[in-house]
Protein backbone atom coordinates (compact mmCIF):
# COMPACT_ATOMS: atom_id res chain seq x y z
CA ILE A 1 10.83 32.19 -6.18
CA TYR A 2 13.81 31.81 -8.50
CA LYS A 3 16.03 33.83 -6.15
CA ALA A 4 15.01 31.62 -3.22
CA MET A 5 15.56 28.53 -5.36
CA MET A 6 19.13 29.67 -6.03
CA ASP A 7 19.95 30.61 -2.40
CA PRO A 8 23.43 29.16 -1.76
CA ASP A 9 23.27 29.81 1.99
CA SER A 10 20.12 27.97 2.97
CA THR A 11 19.08 24.50 1.98
CA GLY A 12 15.75 25.03 3.73
CA VAL A 13 14.97 28.09 1.61
CA ARG A 14 15.77 26.15 -1.58
CA ILE A 15 13.56 23.27 -0.47
CA GLU A 16 10.64 25.61 0.26
CA ALA A 17 11.07 27.28 -3.14
CA ILE A 18 11.02 23.84 -4.78
CA ASN A 19 7.84 23.00 -2.84
CA VAL A 20 6.21 26.19 -4.14
CA ILE A 21 7.17 25.23 -7.69
CA GLY A 22 5.61 21.81 -7.08
CA ASP A 23 2.40 23.54 -6.00
CA LEU A 24 2.46 25.67 -9.16
CA LEU A 25 3.01 22.57 -11.30
CA GLN A 26 -0.04 21.00 -9.69
CA GLN A 27 -2.10 23.90 -11.03
CA SER A 28 -0.51 24.00 -14.48
CA ASN A 29 2.90 23.29 -16.01
CA ASP A 30 2.58 26.62 -17.85
CA LEU A 31 2.88 28.56 -14.58
CA VAL A 32 6.54 27.61 -14.15
CA PRO A 33 9.01 29.57 -16.30
CA GLU A 34 11.62 27.63 -18.26
CA ASN A 35 14.54 28.75 -16.04
CA MET A 36 12.81 27.42 -12.89
CA ARG A 37 11.86 24.23 -14.67
CA GLU A 38 15.50 23.71 -15.67
CA MET A 39 16.71 24.31 -12.09
CA LEU A 40 14.12 21.83 -10.84
CA LEU A 41 15.54 19.22 -13.24
CA ILE A 42 19.06 19.99 -12.04
CA TYR A 43 17.99 19.62 -8.40
CA VAL A 44 16.57 16.15 -9.09
CA GLY A 45 20.20 15.00 -9.20
CA ASP A 46 21.46 17.26 -6.38
CA ARG A 47 24.04 15.84 -3.98
CA LEU A 48 22.02 17.12 -1.02
CA VAL A 49 19.53 14.33 -0.41
CA TYR A 50 16.61 16.42 0.79
CA VAL A 51 17.00 18.98 -2.02
CA ALA A 52 16.84 16.09 -4.51
CA TYR A 53 13.91 14.58 -2.56
CA ALA A 54 11.95 17.85 -2.71
CA ALA A 55 12.70 18.19 -6.42
CA ILE A 56 11.53 14.65 -7.09
CA LYS A 57 8.28 15.28 -5.23
CA ALA A 58 7.77 18.43 -7.32
CA THR A 59 8.55 16.68 -10.62
CA ARG A 60 5.75 14.20 -9.97
CA ARG A 61 3.48 16.99 -11.20
CA LEU A 62 5.69 17.87 -14.17
CA GLN A 63 4.84 16.70 -17.67
CA PRO A 64 8.21 15.90 -19.29
CA ASP A 65 8.66 17.54 -22.69
CA ASP A 66 10.11 14.39 -24.24
CA LEU A 67 11.65 11.01 -23.50
CA THR A 68 15.09 12.53 -22.93
CA GLU A 69 13.75 14.81 -20.21
CA ALA A 70 11.84 11.91 -18.65
CA GLU A 71 15.03 9.82 -18.63
CA ARG A 72 16.89 12.68 -16.96
CA ILE A 73 14.28 12.88 -14.21
CA LEU A 74 14.23 9.09 -13.88
CA SER A 75 18.01 8.98 -13.47
CA GLY A 76 17.84 11.29 -10.44
CA MET A 77 14.93 9.30 -9.00
CA LEU A 78 16.77 6.00 -9.38
CA ASN A 79 19.88 7.44 -7.72
CA LEU A 80 17.90 8.74 -4.76
CA HIS A 81 16.01 5.45 -4.43
CA ALA A 82 19.35 3.59 -4.39
CA HIS A 83 20.59 6.00 -1.69
CA PHE A 84 17.57 5.36 0.54
CA VAL A 85 17.90 1.60 0.00
CA SER A 86 21.61 1.62 0.87
CA GLN A 87 21.10 3.76 3.99
CA GLY A 88 18.27 1.64 5.39
CA GLY A 89 15.41 3.25 7.23
CA HIS A 90 13.81 6.22 5.47
CA GLN A 91 10.92 3.93 4.50
CA HIS A 92 8.46 6.79 3.98
CA GLU A 93 10.83 8.67 1.65
CA ARG A 94 11.75 5.44 -0.11
CA ASN A 95 8.05 4.71 -0.72
CA GLU A 96 7.47 8.21 -2.09
CA VAL A 97 10.43 7.98 -4.46
CA CYS A 98 9.22 4.54 -5.57
CA GLU A 99 5.77 5.99 -6.30
CA ALA A 100 7.35 8.84 -8.26
CA ILE A 101 9.42 6.39 -10.31
CA ILE A 102 6.39 4.26 -11.10
CA GLY A 103 4.30 7.32 -11.94
CA LEU A 104 6.92 8.46 -14.43
CA CYS A 105 7.40 4.96 -15.85
CA ARG A 106 3.68 4.61 -16.50
CA LYS A 107 4.03 7.24 -19.18
CA SER A 108 6.30 5.19 -21.42
CA PRO A 109 6.88 1.53 -22.25
CA THR A 110 10.56 2.41 -22.69
CA LEU A 111 10.79 3.58 -19.07
CA PHE A 112 8.73 0.70 -17.68
CA VAL A 113 11.78 -1.59 -17.59
CA TYR A 114 13.42 0.72 -15.03
CA GLY A 115 10.26 0.90 -12.95
CA LEU A 116 10.01 -2.87 -12.98
CA GLY A 117 13.48 -3.16 -11.45
CA VAL A 118 12.46 -0.82 -8.62
CA LEU A 119 9.22 -2.74 -8.03
CA ILE A 120 11.10 -6.03 -7.76
CA LYS A 121 13.57 -4.45 -5.32
CA GLU A 122 10.71 -3.09 -3.20
CA VAL A 123 8.80 -6.40 -3.15
CA ARG A 124 11.94 -8.23 -2.06
CA ASP A 125 13.50 -5.76 0.37
CA ALA A 126 10.92 -3.31 1.70
CA ASP A 127 8.91 -3.79 4.85
CA GLN A 128 5.53 -5.51 4.52
CA TYR A 129 3.69 -2.25 3.82
CA GLY A 130 6.20 -1.12 1.19
CA ALA A 131 6.24 -4.54 -0.49
CA ALA A 132 2.43 -4.70 -0.62
CA LYS A 133 2.33 -1.18 -2.03
CA ALA A 134 4.85 -2.12 -4.73
CA LEU A 135 2.69 -5.11 -5.68
CA ARG A 136 -0.36 -2.85 -5.95
CA GLU A 137 1.62 -0.48 -8.17
CA TRP A 138 2.62 -3.41 -10.36
CA GLU A 139 -1.00 -4.50 -10.86
CA TRP A 140 -1.67 -1.64 -13.29
CA ALA A 141 1.13 -2.91 -15.51
CA LEU A 142 -0.28 -6.38 -16.02
CA GLU A 143 -2.76 -5.10 -18.58
CA LYS A 144 -0.34 -2.83 -20.44
CA PHE A 145 2.71 -5.07 -20.10
CA PRO A 146 1.51 -8.69 -20.06
CA GLN A 147 5.08 -9.91 -20.46
CA SER A 148 5.63 -8.94 -16.80
CA ARG A 149 2.91 -11.36 -15.60
CA ALA A 150 5.23 -14.31 -14.89
CA MET A 151 7.60 -12.09 -12.88
CA TYR A 152 4.65 -10.60 -11.03
CA VAL A 153 3.37 -14.04 -10.01
CA ARG A 154 6.84 -15.08 -8.86
CA GLU A 155 7.31 -11.92 -6.78
CA LEU A 156 3.80 -12.17 -5.38
CA LEU A 157 4.48 -15.74 -4.24
CA THR A 158 7.76 -14.57 -2.71
CA TYR A 159 5.87 -11.83 -0.86
CA LEU A 160 3.29 -14.31 0.44
CA THR A 161 6.12 -16.59 1.63
CA ARG A 162 7.84 -13.71 3.47
CA HIS A 163 4.57 -12.44 4.97
CA PRO A 164 2.37 -15.47 5.72
CA LEU A 165 -1.34 -14.83 5.90
CA SER A 166 -3.55 -15.46 8.84
CA PRO A 167 -7.32 -15.84 8.45
CA ASP A 168 -7.77 -12.48 10.18
CA ASP A 169 -5.66 -10.76 7.52
CA VAL A 170 -7.78 -11.82 4.57
CA HIS A 171 -10.85 -9.64 4.40
CA GLN A 172 -12.26 -7.87 1.40
CA GLY A 173 -10.30 -4.70 0.75
CA SER A 174 -7.14 -5.74 2.62
CA ASP A 175 -3.75 -5.85 0.88
CA GLU A 176 -3.65 -9.59 1.50
CA TYR A 177 -7.04 -10.10 -0.13
CA ARG A 178 -5.94 -8.02 -3.12
CA CYS A 179 -2.75 -10.10 -3.40
CA LEU A 180 -4.67 -13.36 -3.44
CA LEU A 181 -7.14 -11.97 -5.95
CA ALA A 182 -4.31 -10.70 -8.15
CA LEU A 183 -2.62 -14.10 -7.96
CA TYR A 184 -5.85 -15.79 -9.01
CA GLU A 185 -6.35 -13.36 -11.90
CA ALA A 186 -2.73 -13.57 -13.04
CA THR A 187 -2.68 -17.36 -13.31
């Protein structure tokens, strides 16, 4: 796997090796040797977008050793998110990177500030699905980080202004219903 991960001639081979490492990490972090783990962390910041994207998807299953390693991973994630935002389109990849950022930021109050910036960006700029998903991701934080409640309410109201509700949209279990319920609970 390491040899494939280091293949200078084929991006596709490197991406597949990274995917295999992600599968191993899903089983146990102990299955990935330190040299492969280090290469995975390097690839998070790779200049080739889809190598970095594959590495970020794999690191979602990685337990960072410490805050420094988590910040290193987060830096690559934030750069790739900014790339997808600046390029437009790529909504699926943008959503996945956003989820990865939030998943990592959940592990530390120190990192939460960075995740909050991404959530605000998604609520304001993503399509309706992406914005609703970002709001759902933010809901978990209201309990752990009550200081974000006022910002959450403001962004939720902005979302509801951008995406007006119709009576057909509001049924139990819908994103719109959850937004209204969250607004009620947050105020």
